[in-house]
Amino acid sequence: FEYLPERQLTQNQVSAVVIAPGRKGDKLPRIPEWTGDLSAQYQHSVEAAPDWSAFARADWTYHGRSATDFETSSPIYRVQHAYSITNFRFGATNERTGYDIALYLSNAFNVHVDVFIIASTAQPTMKFTNMPRMIGFDVTKRF
């Protein structure tokens, strides 16, 4: 996990040359306080097929809440909500031939989130979302 407590401005963005909305102490836009990744993999040799080993893997990613602007009163201020996504992968590896086969499940719980929001006063808010649940099968060869 990563904790970013210093996710705020350390000085004003206003000077004789620049006039910007950020003031000392404001939270930085698009920077969440917490982000994190966890992964676990179990691998075991297959007795019936000596060259093969089977594996199971789980990955979890967390992205904390953030905002699109410094000030809540800004017309382009939007909240990007916190989210987490879980992926699973099951397969087998053949060390002798270099082949891997795997069944994967990405975004296992079909979480729908706004990954990036673009707000403007001149056009509707645009949102980039994550991929929906995806199930697939891989065959790879290592050289």
C-alpha atoms as a PDB file:
ATOM      1  CA  PHE A   1       0.000   0.000   0.000  1.00  0.00           C
ATOM      2  CA  GLU A   2       1.075   3.539  -0.549  1.00  0.00           C
ATOM      3  CA  TYR A   3       0.017   6.373   1.731  1.00  0.00           C
ATOM      4  CA  LEU A   4       0.512   9.881   0.369  1.00  0.00           C
ATOM      5  CA  PRO A   5      -0.029  12.245   3.322  1.00  0.00           C
ATOM      6  CA  GLU A   6       1.887  15.046   1.599  1.00  0.00           C
ATOM      7  CA  ARG A   7      -0.638  15.254  -1.197  1.00  0.00           C
ATOM      8  CA  GLN A   8      -1.162  18.963  -0.713  1.00  0.00           C
ATOM      9  CA  LEU A   9       0.439  22.154  -1.957  1.00  0.00           C
ATOM     10  CA  THR A  10       3.328  23.409   0.129  1.00  0.00           C
ATOM     11  CA  GLN A  11       3.098  26.970  -1.209  1.00  0.00           C
ATOM     12  CA  ASN A  12       0.621  29.226  -3.008  1.00  0.00           C
ATOM     13  CA  GLN A  13       0.461  29.069  -6.792  1.00  0.00           C
ATOM     14  CA  VAL A  14      -0.145  32.810  -6.962  1.00  0.00           C
ATOM     15  CA  SER A  15       2.657  35.259  -7.727  1.00  0.00           C
ATOM     16  CA  ALA A  16       3.167  38.492  -9.637  1.00  0.00           C
ATOM     17  CA  VAL A  17       3.338  36.400 -12.831  1.00  0.00           C
ATOM     18  CA  VAL A  18       0.986  33.461 -12.196  1.00  0.00           C
ATOM     19  CA  ILE A  19      -2.581  33.396 -10.941  1.00  0.00           C
ATOM     20  CA  ALA A  20      -3.716  29.838 -10.278  1.00  0.00           C
ATOM     21  CA  PRO A  21      -6.400  28.323  -8.035  1.00  0.00           C
ATOM     22  CA  GLY A  22      -4.060  26.371  -5.749  1.00  0.00           C
ATOM     23  CA  ARG A  23      -3.303  27.684  -2.292  1.00  0.00           C
ATOM     24  CA  LYS A  24      -0.942  26.350   0.347  1.00  0.00           C
ATOM     25  CA  GLY A  25      -2.570  23.353   2.071  1.00  0.00           C
ATOM     26  CA  ASP A  26      -4.953  22.498  -0.795  1.00  0.00           C
ATOM     27  CA  LYS A  27      -5.147  18.809  -1.692  1.00  0.00           C
ATOM     28  CA  LEU A  28      -3.642  18.040  -5.088  1.00  0.00           C
ATOM     29  CA  PRO A  29      -6.219  17.141  -7.745  1.00  0.00           C
ATOM     30  CA  ARG A  30      -6.344  13.511  -8.911  1.00  0.00           C
ATOM     31  CA  ILE A  31      -3.967  12.291  -6.176  1.00  0.00           C
ATOM     32  CA  PRO A  32      -5.683   9.865  -3.768  1.00  0.00           C
ATOM     33  CA  GLU A  33      -4.547   9.572  -0.191  1.00  0.00           C
ATOM     34  CA  TRP A  34      -4.275   5.772  -0.492  1.00  0.00           C
ATOM     35  CA  THR A  35      -3.433   3.374  -3.313  1.00  0.00           C
ATOM     36  CA  GLY A  36      -2.541  -0.270  -2.997  1.00  0.00           C
ATOM     37  CA  ASP A  37      -1.959  -3.591  -4.704  1.00  0.00           C
ATOM     38  CA  LEU A  38      -1.982  -7.104  -3.282  1.00  0.00           C
ATOM     39  CA  SER A  39      -1.052 -10.263  -5.157  1.00  0.00           C
ATOM     40  CA  ALA A  40      -0.847 -13.896  -4.147  1.00  0.00           C
ATOM     41  CA  GLN A  41       0.169 -16.905  -6.198  1.00  0.00           C
ATOM     42  CA  TYR A  42       0.247 -20.582  -5.347  1.00  0.00           C
ATOM     43  CA  GLN A  43       2.176 -22.984  -7.566  1.00  0.00           C
ATOM     44  CA  HIS A  44       2.385 -26.756  -7.238  1.00  0.00           C
ATOM     45  CA  SER A  45       3.969 -29.495  -9.374  1.00  0.00           C
ATOM     46  CA  VAL A  46       1.596 -31.929 -11.072  1.00  0.00           C
ATOM     47  CA  GLU A  47       2.569 -35.516 -10.179  1.00  0.00           C
ATOM     48  CA  ALA A  48       0.752 -37.050 -13.163  1.00  0.00           C
ATOM     49  CA  ALA A  49       2.682 -34.781 -15.570  1.00  0.00           C
ATOM     50  CA  PRO A  50       6.219 -34.236 -14.182  1.00  0.00           C
ATOM     51  CA  ASP A  51       7.140 -31.343 -16.509  1.00  0.00           C
ATOM     52  CA  TRP A  52       4.037 -29.341 -15.572  1.00  0.00           C
ATOM     53  CA  SER A  53       3.203 -27.209 -12.563  1.00  0.00           C
ATOM     54  CA  ALA A  54      -0.219 -25.707 -11.880  1.00  0.00           C
ATOM     55  CA  PHE A  55      -0.805 -22.258 -10.437  1.00  0.00           C
ATOM     56  CA  ALA A  56      -3.553 -20.048  -9.060  1.00  0.00           C
ATOM     57  CA  ARG A  57      -3.149 -16.287  -8.753  1.00  0.00           C
ATOM     58  CA  ALA A  58      -5.242 -13.431  -7.331  1.00  0.00           C
ATOM     59  CA  ASP A  59      -4.552  -9.698  -7.751  1.00  0.00           C
ATOM     60  CA  TRP A  60      -6.360  -6.848  -5.989  1.00  0.00           C
ATOM     61  CA  THR A  61      -5.888  -3.130  -6.717  1.00  0.00           C
ATOM     62  CA  TYR A  62      -7.239  -0.214  -4.686  1.00  0.00           C
ATOM     63  CA  HIS A  63      -7.391   3.441  -5.770  1.00  0.00           C
ATOM     64  CA  GLY A  64      -8.624   5.952  -3.195  1.00  0.00           C
ATOM     65  CA  ARG A  65     -10.978   8.889  -3.609  1.00  0.00           C
ATOM     66  CA  SER A  66      -9.708  12.042  -5.315  1.00  0.00           C
ATOM     67  CA  ALA A  67     -11.092  15.186  -6.943  1.00  0.00           C
ATOM     68  CA  THR A  68     -10.620  16.926 -10.301  1.00  0.00           C
ATOM     69  CA  ASP A  69      -9.850  20.398  -8.943  1.00  0.00           C
ATOM     70  CA  PHE A  70      -8.481  22.210  -5.894  1.00  0.00           C
ATOM     71  CA  GLU A  71     -11.693  23.850  -4.710  1.00  0.00           C
ATOM     72  CA  THR A  72     -15.139  22.337  -4.168  1.00  0.00           C
ATOM     73  CA  SER A  73     -16.721  25.594  -5.392  1.00  0.00           C
ATOM     74  CA  SER A  74     -15.039  25.277  -8.802  1.00  0.00           C
ATOM     75  CA  PRO A  75     -17.438  24.598 -11.706  1.00  0.00           C
ATOM     76  CA  ILE A  76     -15.142  21.795 -12.886  1.00  0.00           C
ATOM     77  CA  TYR A  77     -14.863  20.093  -9.473  1.00  0.00           C
ATOM     78  CA  ARG A  78     -15.896  16.436  -9.635  1.00  0.00           C
ATOM     79  CA  VAL A  79     -15.261  13.592  -7.203  1.00  0.00           C
ATOM     80  CA  GLN A  80     -13.530  10.458  -8.449  1.00  0.00           C
ATOM     81  CA  HIS A  81     -14.766   7.787  -6.049  1.00  0.00           C
ATOM     82  CA  ALA A  82     -12.541   5.114  -4.545  1.00  0.00           C
ATOM     83  CA  TYR A  83     -12.577   1.700  -6.162  1.00  0.00           C
ATOM     84  CA  SER A  84     -10.971  -1.718  -6.083  1.00  0.00           C
ATOM     85  CA  ILE A  85     -10.651  -4.346  -8.801  1.00  0.00           C
ATOM     86  CA  THR A  86      -9.941  -8.067  -8.384  1.00  0.00           C
ATOM     87  CA  ASN A  87      -8.442 -10.412 -11.009  1.00  0.00           C
ATOM     88  CA  PHE A  88      -7.928 -14.189 -10.971  1.00  0.00           C
ATOM     89  CA  ARG A  89      -5.742 -16.457 -13.104  1.00  0.00           C
ATOM     90  CA  PHE A  90      -5.502 -20.279 -13.116  1.00  0.00           C
ATOM     91  CA  GLY A  91      -3.160 -22.269 -15.284  1.00  0.00           C
ATOM     92  CA  ALA A  92      -0.191 -24.543 -15.821  1.00  0.00           C
ATOM     93  CA  THR A  93       3.425 -24.094 -16.865  1.00  0.00           C
ATOM     94  CA  ASN A  94       5.688 -26.545 -18.639  1.00  0.00           C
ATOM     95  CA  GLU A  95       9.315 -25.703 -17.823  1.00  0.00           C
ATOM     96  CA  ARG A  96      10.749 -28.121 -20.414  1.00  0.00           C
ATOM     97  CA  THR A  97       8.790 -26.837 -23.439  1.00  0.00           C
ATOM     98  CA  GLY A  98       8.233 -23.249 -22.260  1.00  0.00           C
ATOM     99  CA  TYR A  99       4.467 -23.416 -22.768  1.00  0.00           C
ATOM    100  CA  ASP A 100       2.001 -21.778 -20.393  1.00  0.00           C
ATOM    101  CA  ILE A 101      -1.769 -22.160 -20.489  1.00  0.00           C
ATOM    102  CA  ALA A 102      -4.090 -20.061 -18.344  1.00  0.00           C
ATOM    103  CA  LEU A 103      -7.722 -19.183 -17.788  1.00  0.00           C
ATOM    104  CA  TYR A 104      -8.182 -15.632 -16.496  1.00  0.00           C
ATOM    105  CA  LEU A 105     -10.980 -13.566 -15.013  1.00  0.00           C
ATOM    106  CA  SER A 106     -10.294  -9.820 -15.074  1.00  0.00           C
ATOM    107  CA  ASN A 107     -12.498  -7.467 -13.019  1.00  0.00           C
ATOM    108  CA  ALA A 108     -14.054 -10.544 -11.431  1.00  0.00           C
ATOM    109  CA  PHE A 109     -16.840  -8.645  -9.632  1.00  0.00           C
ATOM    110  CA  ASN A 110     -17.652  -6.518 -12.705  1.00  0.00           C
ATOM    111  CA  VAL A 111     -16.960  -3.225 -10.912  1.00  0.00           C
ATOM    112  CA  HIS A 112     -17.866  -0.178 -13.021  1.00  0.00           C
ATOM    113  CA  VAL A 113     -15.790   2.890 -12.095  1.00  0.00           C
ATOM    114  CA  ASP A 114     -14.775   6.251 -13.480  1.00  0.00           C
ATOM    115  CA  VAL A 115     -11.004   5.982 -13.843  1.00  0.00           C
ATOM    116  CA  PHE A 116     -10.531   9.517 -15.182  1.00  0.00           C
ATOM    117  CA  ILE A 117     -12.976  12.447 -15.281  1.00  0.00           C
ATOM    118  CA  ILE A 118     -12.586  15.544 -17.444  1.00  0.00           C
ATOM    119  CA  ALA A 119     -14.819  18.432 -16.450  1.00  0.00           C
ATOM    120  CA  SER A 120     -15.227  21.673 -18.349  1.00  0.00           C
ATOM    121  CA  THR A 121     -17.572  24.630 -18.225  1.00  0.00           C
ATOM    122  CA  ALA A 122     -17.964  24.564 -22.028  1.00  0.00           C
ATOM    123  CA  GLN A 123     -18.888  20.894 -22.572  1.00  0.00           C
ATOM    124  CA  PRO A 124     -20.444  17.949 -20.733  1.00  0.00           C
ATOM    125  CA  THR A 125     -18.337  16.025 -18.244  1.00  0.00           C
ATOM    126  CA  MET A 126     -16.379  13.218 -19.931  1.00  0.00           C
ATOM    127  CA  LYS A 127     -15.629  10.003 -18.080  1.00  0.00           C
ATOM    128  CA  PHE A 128     -13.166   7.248 -18.914  1.00  0.00           C
ATOM    129  CA  THR A 129     -14.224   3.982 -17.339  1.00  0.00           C
ATOM    130  CA  ASN A 130     -12.490   0.686 -16.656  1.00  0.00           C
ATOM    131  CA  MET A 131     -12.935  -2.510 -18.666  1.00  0.00           C
ATOM    132  CA  PRO A 132     -15.929  -4.691 -17.745  1.00  0.00           C
ATOM    133  CA  ARG A 133     -15.528  -8.280 -16.534  1.00  0.00           C
ATOM    134  CA  MET A 134     -13.519 -10.288 -19.017  1.00  0.00           C
ATOM    135  CA  ILE A 135     -12.968 -14.038 -19.193  1.00  0.00           C
ATOM    136  CA  GLY A 136     -10.241 -15.402 -21.403  1.00  0.00           C
ATOM    137  CA  PHE A 137      -7.778 -18.150 -22.170  1.00  0.00           C
ATOM    138  CA  ASP A 138      -4.050 -17.690 -22.899  1.00  0.00           C
ATOM    139  CA  VAL A 139      -1.497 -19.984 -24.482  1.00  0.00           C
ATOM    140  CA  THR A 140       2.047 -18.588 -24.468  1.00  0.00           C
ATOM    141  CA  LYS A 141       5.475 -19.876 -25.398  1.00  0.00           C
ATOM    142  CA  ARG A 142       8.709 -18.713 -23.776  1.00  0.00           C
ATOM    143  CA  PHE A 143      11.874 -18.707 -25.913  1.00  0.00           C
END
